[in-house]
Amino acid sequence: MDTKKMIIAVVSVFILYEVTNFLIHGLILAGTYQGLANVFRSMEEMNRMMWRMWIADLVWSFFFVFIFTKGYQNKGIMEGARYGLYIALFMNFMAAVAQNVVYPVPYTLSLQWFIFGAIQSIFLGIIIALILKPKTA
């Protein structure tokens, strides 16, 4: 695996992961979260600890790309989409169900977490496939 492409893929996934997380959680689901203020930390507290989330997201981005590269077959964007779907079913489904059990959040929010997470994972998988695609001669 080309180290330069791997680094570009990790950085790209990290940036796009942060952007899509903001779109999903900061905009689309913001109103839903306001109705559940007693479940989550205050915004001030979350903002003070956000650096931890960025580190975790960077580690996640690395492994998201690293695992993809281990089975990469150069089959185009559908390979990336399929990988993203597998990750969504493995990670997002589990997280949505577990969080619904642990936190008093509505089922509809858990379903939205899964759906938006699946879309996000599929999108990021496609991005990796595009970045890692070999240059044509």
N, C-alpha and C. Protein backbone atom coordinates (compact mmCIF):
# COMPACT_ATOMS: atom_id res chain seq x y z
N MET A 1 0.85 -1.19 0.00
CA MET A 1 0.00 0.00 0.00
C MET A 1 0.88 1.23 0.00
N ASP A 2 0.52 2.17 -0.84
CA ASP A 2 1.22 3.45 -0.95
C ASP A 2 0.97 4.27 0.32
N THR A 3 2.04 4.54 1.07
CA THR A 3 1.93 5.25 2.35
C THR A 3 1.34 6.65 2.15
N LYS A 4 1.75 7.33 1.09
CA LYS A 4 1.24 8.68 0.83
C LYS A 4 -0.27 8.66 0.63
N LYS A 5 -0.76 7.69 -0.17
CA LYS A 5 -2.20 7.59 -0.39
C LYS A 5 -2.93 7.23 0.90
N MET A 6 -2.31 6.39 1.71
CA MET A 6 -2.93 6.02 2.98
C MET A 6 -3.07 7.24 3.88
N ILE A 7 -2.03 8.05 3.96
CA ILE A 7 -2.10 9.26 4.79
C ILE A 7 -3.15 10.22 4.25
N ILE A 8 -3.18 10.40 2.96
CA ILE A 8 -4.20 11.27 2.34
C ILE A 8 -5.60 10.74 2.65
N ALA A 9 -5.77 9.43 2.57
CA ALA A 9 -7.07 8.83 2.85
C ALA A 9 -7.47 9.03 4.31
N VAL A 10 -6.53 8.82 5.22
CA VAL A 10 -6.84 9.00 6.65
C VAL A 10 -7.21 10.44 6.95
N VAL A 11 -6.42 11.38 6.45
CA VAL A 11 -6.71 12.81 6.69
C VAL A 11 -8.05 13.20 6.05
N SER A 12 -8.29 12.73 4.83
CA SER A 12 -9.55 13.04 4.15
C SER A 12 -10.75 12.47 4.91
N VAL A 13 -10.63 11.22 5.33
CA VAL A 13 -11.72 10.59 6.08
C VAL A 13 -11.95 11.34 7.38
N PHE A 14 -10.88 11.70 8.08
CA PHE A 14 -11.03 12.43 9.34
C PHE A 14 -11.77 13.75 9.12
N ILE A 15 -11.34 14.52 8.14
CA ILE A 15 -11.97 15.81 7.88
C ILE A 15 -13.44 15.63 7.48
N LEU A 16 -13.70 14.71 6.57
CA LEU A 16 -15.08 14.48 6.13
C LEU A 16 -15.94 13.88 7.23
N TYR A 17 -15.34 13.08 8.10
CA TYR A 17 -16.06 12.53 9.24
C TYR A 17 -16.49 13.65 10.18
N GLU A 18 -15.58 14.60 10.42
CA GLU A 18 -15.91 15.73 11.29
C GLU A 18 -17.01 16.60 10.67
N VAL A 19 -16.89 16.86 9.37
CA VAL A 19 -17.88 17.69 8.68
C VAL A 19 -19.25 17.01 8.70
N THR A 20 -19.28 15.72 8.36
CA THR A 20 -20.57 15.02 8.34
C THR A 20 -21.14 14.86 9.75
N ASN A 21 -20.28 14.68 10.75
CA ASN A 21 -20.78 14.63 12.13
C ASN A 21 -21.43 15.96 12.52
N PHE A 22 -20.81 17.07 12.11
CA PHE A 22 -21.41 18.37 12.39
C PHE A 22 -22.76 18.51 11.69
N LEU A 23 -22.82 18.11 10.42
CA LEU A 23 -24.09 18.18 9.68
C LEU A 23 -25.17 17.34 10.35
N ILE A 24 -24.80 16.13 10.73
CA ILE A 24 -25.77 15.21 11.33
C ILE A 24 -26.17 15.66 12.72
N HIS A 25 -25.17 15.83 13.59
CA HIS A 25 -25.48 16.09 15.00
C HIS A 25 -25.63 17.56 15.33
N GLY A 26 -24.90 18.42 14.62
CA GLY A 26 -24.97 19.85 14.91
C GLY A 26 -26.12 20.56 14.23
N LEU A 27 -26.59 20.00 13.11
CA LEU A 27 -27.68 20.65 12.37
C LEU A 27 -28.94 19.78 12.31
N ILE A 28 -28.84 18.63 11.69
CA ILE A 28 -30.03 17.80 11.45
C ILE A 28 -30.69 17.35 12.75
N LEU A 29 -29.91 16.85 13.69
CA LEU A 29 -30.48 16.31 14.93
C LEU A 29 -30.46 17.30 16.10
N ALA A 30 -30.02 18.52 15.87
CA ALA A 30 -29.87 19.50 16.95
C ALA A 30 -31.18 19.73 17.70
N GLY A 31 -32.27 19.85 16.99
CA GLY A 31 -33.57 20.06 17.63
C GLY A 31 -33.98 18.89 18.50
N THR A 32 -33.70 17.70 18.03
CA THR A 32 -34.02 16.50 18.81
C THR A 32 -33.20 16.48 20.09
N TYR A 33 -31.93 16.83 19.99
CA TYR A 33 -31.06 16.83 21.16
C TYR A 33 -31.49 17.86 22.20
N GLN A 34 -32.03 18.99 21.76
CA GLN A 34 -32.48 20.01 22.69
C GLN A 34 -33.58 19.48 23.60
N GLY A 35 -34.42 18.63 23.05
CA GLY A 35 -35.49 18.04 23.85
C GLY A 35 -34.99 16.97 24.81
N LEU A 36 -33.74 16.61 24.70
CA LEU A 36 -33.15 15.58 25.56
C LEU A 36 -31.98 16.14 26.37
N ALA A 37 -32.03 17.42 26.67
CA ALA A 37 -30.91 18.09 27.35
C ALA A 37 -30.53 17.42 28.66
N ASN A 38 -31.49 16.82 29.34
CA ASN A 38 -31.19 16.18 30.63
C ASN A 38 -30.42 14.87 30.48
N VAL A 39 -30.31 14.35 29.25
CA VAL A 39 -29.61 13.09 29.00
C VAL A 39 -28.13 13.32 28.71
N PHE A 40 -27.81 14.45 28.09
CA PHE A 40 -26.45 14.72 27.63
C PHE A 40 -25.76 15.76 28.51
N ARG A 41 -24.44 15.83 28.37
CA ARG A 41 -23.66 16.87 29.03
C ARG A 41 -24.07 18.23 28.46
N SER A 42 -23.76 19.29 29.20
CA SER A 42 -24.03 20.63 28.68
C SER A 42 -23.10 20.90 27.50
N MET A 43 -23.50 21.82 26.63
CA MET A 43 -22.66 22.18 25.48
C MET A 43 -21.31 22.71 25.94
N GLU A 44 -21.30 23.48 27.00
CA GLU A 44 -20.04 24.03 27.50
C GLU A 44 -19.10 22.89 27.92
N GLU A 45 -19.64 21.91 28.62
CA GLU A 45 -18.82 20.79 29.06
C GLU A 45 -18.34 19.96 27.87
N MET A 46 -19.23 19.73 26.91
CA MET A 46 -18.83 18.97 25.72
C MET A 46 -17.76 19.72 24.93
N ASN A 47 -17.89 21.03 24.80
CA ASN A 47 -16.90 21.82 24.06
C ASN A 47 -15.53 21.77 24.74
N ARG A 48 -15.50 21.77 26.06
CA ARG A 48 -14.23 21.68 26.79
C ARG A 48 -13.54 20.33 26.55
N MET A 49 -14.32 19.30 26.33
CA MET A 49 -13.76 17.95 26.18
C MET A 49 -13.69 17.50 24.71
N MET A 50 -14.00 18.37 23.78
CA MET A 50 -14.08 18.00 22.36
C MET A 50 -12.76 17.47 21.82
N TRP A 51 -11.65 17.91 22.37
CA TRP A 51 -10.34 17.43 21.90
C TRP A 51 -10.25 15.91 22.03
N ARG A 52 -10.90 15.35 23.05
CA ARG A 52 -10.91 13.89 23.20
C ARG A 52 -11.64 13.22 22.05
N MET A 53 -12.73 13.84 21.64
CA MET A 53 -13.50 13.30 20.52
C MET A 53 -12.69 13.35 19.24
N TRP A 54 -11.96 14.45 19.04
CA TRP A 54 -11.14 14.57 17.84
C TRP A 54 -10.05 13.50 17.80
N ILE A 55 -9.44 13.22 18.94
CA ILE A 55 -8.43 12.16 18.98
C ILE A 55 -9.07 10.81 18.66
N ALA A 56 -10.20 10.53 19.29
CA ALA A 56 -10.91 9.28 19.02
C ALA A 56 -11.31 9.18 17.55
N ASP A 57 -11.78 10.28 16.98
CA ASP A 57 -12.18 10.29 15.57
C ASP A 57 -10.98 10.09 14.64
N LEU A 58 -9.84 10.62 15.01
CA LEU A 58 -8.62 10.42 14.21
C LEU A 58 -8.19 8.95 14.25
N VAL A 59 -8.25 8.35 15.43
CA VAL A 59 -7.93 6.93 15.55
C VAL A 59 -8.92 6.10 14.75
N TRP A 60 -10.21 6.44 14.85
CA TRP A 60 -11.25 5.74 14.08
C TRP A 60 -10.97 5.87 12.59
N SER A 61 -10.62 7.07 12.15
CA SER A 61 -10.34 7.30 10.73
C SER A 61 -9.18 6.44 10.25
N PHE A 62 -8.13 6.36 11.07
CA PHE A 62 -6.99 5.52 10.70
C PHE A 62 -7.43 4.06 10.51
N PHE A 63 -8.14 3.53 11.47
CA PHE A 63 -8.53 2.12 11.38
C PHE A 63 -9.57 1.88 10.30
N PHE A 64 -10.44 2.84 10.06
CA PHE A 64 -11.41 2.72 8.97
C PHE A 64 -10.68 2.54 7.65
N VAL A 65 -9.64 3.34 7.43
CA VAL A 65 -8.85 3.25 6.20
C VAL A 65 -7.97 2.00 6.22
N PHE A 66 -7.30 1.76 7.33
CA PHE A 66 -6.38 0.63 7.44
C PHE A 66 -7.08 -0.70 7.16
N ILE A 67 -8.23 -0.92 7.75
CA ILE A 67 -8.96 -2.17 7.53
C ILE A 67 -9.37 -2.29 6.06
N PHE A 68 -9.81 -1.19 5.46
CA PHE A 68 -10.17 -1.22 4.05
C PHE A 68 -8.99 -1.63 3.18
N THR A 69 -7.81 -1.08 3.49
CA THR A 69 -6.63 -1.38 2.66
C THR A 69 -6.23 -2.84 2.74
N LYS A 70 -6.54 -3.52 3.83
CA LYS A 70 -6.15 -4.92 3.98
C LYS A 70 -6.92 -5.85 3.04
N GLY A 71 -8.11 -5.42 2.62
CA GLY A 71 -8.88 -6.25 1.70
C GLY A 71 -9.13 -5.58 0.36
N TYR A 72 -8.43 -4.47 0.11
CA TYR A 72 -8.66 -3.68 -1.10
C TYR A 72 -8.41 -4.51 -2.37
N GLN A 73 -9.41 -4.48 -3.27
CA GLN A 73 -9.33 -5.25 -4.51
C GLN A 73 -9.43 -4.38 -5.75
N ASN A 74 -9.44 -3.06 -5.60
CA ASN A 74 -9.53 -2.13 -6.72
C ASN A 74 -10.75 -2.40 -7.60
N LYS A 75 -11.91 -2.53 -6.97
CA LYS A 75 -13.14 -2.80 -7.71
C LYS A 75 -14.04 -1.57 -7.81
N GLY A 76 -13.48 -0.40 -7.56
CA GLY A 76 -14.22 0.83 -7.77
C GLY A 76 -15.03 1.28 -6.57
N ILE A 77 -15.90 2.25 -6.84
CA ILE A 77 -16.65 2.87 -5.74
C ILE A 77 -17.63 1.90 -5.08
N MET A 78 -18.07 0.88 -5.81
CA MET A 78 -18.98 -0.08 -5.19
C MET A 78 -18.27 -0.88 -4.10
N GLU A 79 -16.98 -1.09 -4.25
CA GLU A 79 -16.21 -1.76 -3.19
C GLU A 79 -16.21 -0.88 -1.93
N GLY A 80 -16.02 0.42 -2.13
CA GLY A 80 -16.05 1.35 -1.01
C GLY A 80 -17.42 1.44 -0.38
N ALA A 81 -18.46 1.47 -1.20
CA ALA A 81 -19.83 1.53 -0.68
C ALA A 81 -20.16 0.28 0.11
N ARG A 82 -19.77 -0.86 -0.41
CA ARG A 82 -20.03 -2.14 0.27
C ARG A 82 -19.28 -2.18 1.61
N TYR A 83 -18.03 -1.74 1.61
CA TYR A 83 -17.25 -1.68 2.84
C TYR A 83 -17.94 -0.77 3.86
N GLY A 84 -18.37 0.40 3.41
CA GLY A 84 -19.07 1.33 4.30
C GLY A 84 -20.33 0.71 4.88
N LEU A 85 -21.07 -0.04 4.07
CA LEU A 85 -22.27 -0.71 4.55
C LEU A 85 -21.92 -1.76 5.60
N TYR A 86 -20.88 -2.54 5.35
CA TYR A 86 -20.45 -3.54 6.33
C TYR A 86 -20.08 -2.89 7.66
N ILE A 87 -19.34 -1.79 7.60
CA ILE A 87 -18.95 -1.08 8.82
C ILE A 87 -20.21 -0.55 9.51
N ALA A 88 -21.15 -0.02 8.74
CA ALA A 88 -22.39 0.50 9.33
C ALA A 88 -23.16 -0.59 10.05
N LEU A 89 -23.27 -1.74 9.43
CA LEU A 89 -24.00 -2.85 10.06
C LEU A 89 -23.25 -3.36 11.29
N PHE A 90 -21.93 -3.37 11.22
CA PHE A 90 -21.11 -3.84 12.32
C PHE A 90 -21.07 -2.82 13.47
N MET A 91 -20.85 -1.56 13.14
CA MET A 91 -20.60 -0.56 14.16
C MET A 91 -21.84 0.28 14.49
N ASN A 92 -22.44 0.90 13.47
CA ASN A 92 -23.53 1.83 13.71
C ASN A 92 -24.78 1.14 14.25
N PHE A 93 -25.09 -0.03 13.73
CA PHE A 93 -26.26 -0.74 14.23
C PHE A 93 -26.08 -1.09 15.70
N MET A 94 -24.93 -1.65 16.02
CA MET A 94 -24.63 -2.03 17.40
C MET A 94 -24.68 -0.82 18.32
N ALA A 95 -24.06 0.27 17.90
CA ALA A 95 -24.03 1.47 18.73
C ALA A 95 -25.43 2.04 18.94
N ALA A 96 -26.24 2.08 17.90
CA ALA A 96 -27.59 2.63 18.01
C ALA A 96 -28.44 1.81 18.98
N VAL A 97 -28.36 0.50 18.86
CA VAL A 97 -29.14 -0.36 19.75
C VAL A 97 -28.64 -0.24 21.19
N ALA A 98 -27.32 -0.30 21.37
CA ALA A 98 -26.75 -0.23 22.72
C ALA A 98 -27.07 1.10 23.39
N GLN A 99 -26.95 2.19 22.64
CA GLN A 99 -27.23 3.49 23.23
C GLN A 99 -28.70 3.64 23.59
N ASN A 100 -29.57 3.02 22.81
CA ASN A 100 -30.99 3.06 23.14
C ASN A 100 -31.27 2.29 24.42
N VAL A 101 -30.53 1.25 24.67
CA VAL A 101 -30.71 0.48 25.89
C VAL A 101 -30.16 1.25 27.09
N VAL A 102 -29.02 1.90 26.93
CA VAL A 102 -28.34 2.55 28.05
C VAL A 102 -28.93 3.92 28.38
N TYR A 103 -29.26 4.71 27.35
CA TYR A 103 -29.75 6.07 27.56
C TYR A 103 -31.24 6.14 27.27
N PRO A 104 -31.94 7.00 28.00
CA PRO A 104 -33.38 7.13 27.75
C PRO A 104 -33.66 8.02 26.53
N VAL A 105 -33.32 7.49 25.36
CA VAL A 105 -33.57 8.23 24.12
C VAL A 105 -34.65 7.51 23.33
N PRO A 106 -35.40 8.25 22.53
CA PRO A 106 -36.48 7.63 21.75
C PRO A 106 -35.93 6.65 20.71
N TYR A 107 -36.72 5.64 20.39
CA TYR A 107 -36.34 4.69 19.35
C TYR A 107 -36.06 5.40 18.04
N THR A 108 -36.84 6.43 17.76
CA THR A 108 -36.66 7.15 16.49
C THR A 108 -35.28 7.78 16.40
N LEU A 109 -34.75 8.26 17.53
CA LEU A 109 -33.40 8.83 17.52
C LEU A 109 -32.37 7.74 17.27
N SER A 110 -32.53 6.60 17.89
CA SER A 110 -31.61 5.49 17.65
C SER A 110 -31.64 5.07 16.18
N LEU A 111 -32.82 5.04 15.61
CA LEU A 111 -32.95 4.70 14.19
C LEU A 111 -32.26 5.74 13.32
N GLN A 112 -32.42 7.01 13.67
CA GLN A 112 -31.73 8.08 12.92
C GLN A 112 -30.22 7.96 13.06
N TRP A 113 -29.74 7.64 14.26
CA TRP A 113 -28.30 7.44 14.44
C TRP A 113 -27.80 6.34 13.51
N PHE A 114 -28.55 5.26 13.42
CA PHE A 114 -28.14 4.16 12.55
C PHE A 114 -28.18 4.58 11.08
N ILE A 115 -29.28 5.18 10.65
CA ILE A 115 -29.43 5.54 9.24
C ILE A 115 -28.39 6.58 8.82
N PHE A 116 -28.25 7.64 9.59
CA PHE A 116 -27.26 8.67 9.25
C PHE A 116 -25.84 8.11 9.34
N GLY A 117 -25.58 7.26 10.32
CA GLY A 117 -24.27 6.63 10.44
C GLY A 117 -23.98 5.72 9.26
N ALA A 118 -25.00 5.02 8.77
CA ALA A 118 -24.82 4.15 7.61
C ALA A 118 -24.51 4.97 6.36
N ILE A 119 -25.26 6.03 6.16
CA ILE A 119 -25.00 6.92 5.02
C ILE A 119 -23.58 7.48 5.10
N GLN A 120 -23.19 7.90 6.29
CA GLN A 120 -21.86 8.46 6.51
C GLN A 120 -20.78 7.41 6.20
N SER A 121 -20.94 6.20 6.71
CA SER A 121 -19.95 5.14 6.48
C SER A 121 -19.85 4.77 5.01
N ILE A 122 -20.98 4.69 4.33
CA ILE A 122 -20.97 4.38 2.90
C ILE A 122 -20.26 5.48 2.13
N PHE A 123 -20.58 6.72 2.45
CA PHE A 123 -19.94 7.87 1.80
C PHE A 123 -18.42 7.83 2.01
N LEU A 124 -17.99 7.60 3.25
CA LEU A 124 -16.56 7.57 3.54
C LEU A 124 -15.87 6.38 2.88
N GLY A 125 -16.56 5.26 2.78
CA GLY A 125 -16.01 4.10 2.06
C GLY A 125 -15.78 4.42 0.59
N ILE A 126 -16.72 5.12 -0.01
CA ILE A 126 -16.57 5.53 -1.41
C ILE A 126 -15.38 6.47 -1.56
N ILE A 127 -15.21 7.39 -0.63
CA ILE A 127 -14.08 8.32 -0.66
C ILE A 127 -12.76 7.56 -0.63
N ILE A 128 -12.66 6.58 0.26
CA ILE A 128 -11.42 5.78 0.33
C ILE A 128 -11.16 5.07 -1.00
N ALA A 129 -12.19 4.47 -1.57
CA ALA A 129 -12.02 3.75 -2.84
C ALA A 129 -11.52 4.70 -3.93
N LEU A 130 -12.03 5.91 -3.94
CA LEU A 130 -11.59 6.89 -4.94
C LEU A 130 -10.15 7.33 -4.71
N ILE A 131 -9.77 7.53 -3.47
CA ILE A 131 -8.41 7.96 -3.16
C ILE A 131 -7.40 6.87 -3.46
N LEU A 132 -7.73 5.64 -3.14
CA LEU A 132 -6.78 4.53 -3.32
C LEU A 132 -6.73 3.98 -4.72
N LYS A 133 -7.65 4.41 -5.57
CA LYS A 133 -7.69 3.91 -6.94
C LYS A 133 -6.35 4.22 -7.63
N PRO A 134 -5.73 3.18 -8.21
CA PRO A 134 -4.45 3.42 -8.91
C PRO A 134 -4.64 4.36 -10.10
N LYS A 135 -3.59 5.12 -10.39
CA LYS A 135 -3.63 5.99 -11.56
C LYS A 135 -3.59 5.12 -12.81
N THR A 136 -4.37 5.52 -13.81
CA THR A 136 -4.35 4.78 -15.07
C THR A 136 -3.13 5.19 -15.89
N ALA A 137 -2.63 4.24 -16.66
CA ALA A 137 -1.41 4.51 -17.44
C ALA A 137 -1.67 5.46 -18.58
